[in-house]
Amino acid sequence: QVQPVESGGGLVQAGGSLRLSCAHSGRLVNINGMGWYRQAPEKQREWVATITSGGGTYYASFVKGRGTISRDNAKNTMYLQINSLKPEDTAVYYCNINAVTGEYWGQGTQVTVSS
């Protein structure tokens, strides 16, 4: 199983926090970078955050200051912590892994933020 698997989504009230996880089997090697994207209803998928192979982190403006992307190489898992959630953060969140062998997407995890 090469496809990464997301978890951690759910229903949360505005102002709350969630930590999303993205796990892969470990069969992926030479990973260039990992990232999170999201897609809200009737909107295009948009980039949220990236963590590079060197540990550099980058964030979209709408999540900067509220989000933290991290990874645990020993567990083959990447995380996205989002605080101060807003209703406009409601979306399906997807994990993306960019490796030498190609690009891999997870199935997504739904995040719903109620006002």
Protein backbone atom coordinates (compact mmCIF):
# COMPACT_ATOMS: atom_id res chain seq x y z
CA GLN A 1 0.00 0.00 0.00
CA VAL A 2 1.72 3.11 -1.24
CA GLN A 3 -1.20 5.52 -1.01
CA PRO A 4 -1.02 7.65 2.12
CA VAL A 5 -3.93 7.56 4.55
CA GLU A 6 -5.28 10.61 6.33
CA SER A 7 -7.05 10.64 9.68
CA GLY A 8 -8.02 13.07 12.39
CA GLY A 9 -10.80 15.00 10.70
CA GLY A 10 -14.14 15.58 12.27
CA LEU A 11 -16.67 18.12 13.48
CA VAL A 12 -15.34 20.90 15.65
CA GLN A 13 -16.66 24.24 16.87
CA ALA A 14 -15.16 27.47 15.66
CA GLY A 15 -12.14 28.36 17.73
CA GLY A 16 -11.25 24.74 18.31
CA SER A 17 -8.29 22.71 17.12
CA LEU A 18 -7.62 19.57 15.16
CA ARG A 19 -4.55 17.53 14.37
CA LEU A 20 -4.62 15.72 11.07
CA SER A 21 -2.34 12.78 10.38
CA CYS A 22 -1.04 11.33 7.15
CA ALA A 23 0.55 7.91 7.34
CA HIS A 24 2.28 5.98 4.62
CA SER A 25 3.61 2.46 4.61
CA GLY A 26 7.24 3.36 4.56
CA ARG A 27 7.69 1.91 1.10
CA LEU A 28 8.04 5.43 -0.22
CA VAL A 29 11.66 6.47 -0.28
CA ASN A 30 13.45 9.54 -1.52
CA ILE A 31 10.57 11.79 -0.55
CA ASN A 32 11.14 15.32 -1.79
CA GLY A 33 8.38 16.87 0.22
CA MET A 34 5.02 16.29 1.83
CA GLY A 35 2.09 18.60 2.03
CA TRP A 36 -1.53 19.24 2.77
CA TYR A 37 -4.21 20.49 0.43
CA ARG A 38 -7.89 21.10 0.96
CA GLN A 39 -11.02 21.31 -1.13
CA ALA A 40 -14.16 23.02 0.04
CA PRO A 41 -17.53 22.31 -1.58
CA GLU A 42 -17.76 23.79 -5.07
CA LYS A 43 -14.23 25.15 -4.85
CA GLN A 44 -10.95 24.09 -6.36
CA ARG A 45 -8.39 22.19 -4.34
CA GLU A 46 -5.93 24.57 -2.72
CA TRP A 47 -2.54 24.19 -1.11
CA VAL A 48 -2.36 24.51 2.68
CA ALA A 49 1.17 23.69 3.82
CA THR A 50 4.37 21.88 2.85
CA ILE A 51 7.25 20.33 4.71
CA THR A 52 10.38 19.65 2.67
CA SER A 53 12.85 16.80 2.96
CA GLY A 54 15.13 19.18 4.80
CA GLY A 55 12.45 20.12 7.29
CA GLY A 56 11.58 23.50 5.85
CA THR A 57 7.95 24.48 6.31
CA TYR A 58 5.74 26.70 4.22
CA TYR A 59 2.16 27.82 4.76
CA ALA A 60 -0.64 29.38 2.79
CA SER A 61 -1.53 32.81 4.06
CA PHE A 62 -4.91 31.71 5.37
CA VAL A 63 -3.36 29.17 7.77
CA LYS A 64 -0.12 30.94 8.68
CA GLY A 65 0.02 31.54 12.41
CA ARG A 66 -2.72 28.98 13.05
CA GLY A 67 -1.24 25.87 11.50
CA THR A 68 1.81 23.73 12.14
CA ILE A 69 3.01 21.05 9.76
CA SER A 70 5.39 18.43 11.11
CA ARG A 71 6.50 14.89 10.52
CA ASP A 72 7.75 11.86 12.42
CA ASN A 73 10.03 9.93 10.08
CA ALA A 74 10.21 6.96 12.44
CA LYS A 75 6.43 6.60 12.17
CA ASN A 76 6.24 7.52 8.46
CA THR A 77 3.65 10.08 9.44
CA MET A 78 3.04 13.73 8.75
CA TYR A 79 0.81 15.99 10.81
CA LEU A 80 -1.09 19.22 10.43
CA GLN A 81 -2.20 20.97 13.58
CA ILE A 82 -4.70 23.77 13.01
CA ASN A 83 -5.78 26.03 15.83
CA SER A 84 -8.43 28.73 15.98
CA LEU A 85 -10.48 26.92 13.36
CA LYS A 86 -12.96 28.95 11.36
CA PRO A 87 -16.09 27.86 9.48
CA GLU A 88 -14.26 28.68 6.25
CA ASP A 89 -11.74 25.97 7.10
CA THR A 90 -14.45 23.42 6.37
CA ALA A 91 -13.14 21.18 3.61
CA VAL A 92 -11.78 17.79 2.76
CA TYR A 93 -8.09 17.79 3.63
CA TYR A 94 -5.75 15.76 1.46
CA CYS A 95 -2.25 14.55 2.07
CA ASN A 96 0.25 14.77 -0.79
CA ILE A 97 3.62 13.07 -0.98
CA ASN A 98 6.10 14.04 -3.66
CA ALA A 99 8.66 11.29 -4.09
CA VAL A 100 11.19 10.37 -6.73
CA THR A 101 8.82 7.62 -7.87
CA GLY A 102 5.91 9.98 -8.31
CA GLU A 103 3.21 11.93 -6.55
CA TYR A 104 0.80 10.26 -4.16
CA TRP A 105 -2.51 11.48 -2.79
CA GLY A 106 -4.59 10.22 0.07
CA GLN A 107 -8.36 9.82 -0.01
CA GLY A 108 -8.89 12.82 2.22
CA THR A 109 -10.37 13.48 5.64
CA GLN A 110 -13.37 15.73 6.21
CA VAL A 111 -13.02 18.71 8.52
CA THR A 112 -16.22 20.53 9.42
CA VAL A 113 -16.14 23.66 11.55
CA SER A 114 -19.43 24.83 13.01
CA SER A 115 -20.09 28.45 13.87
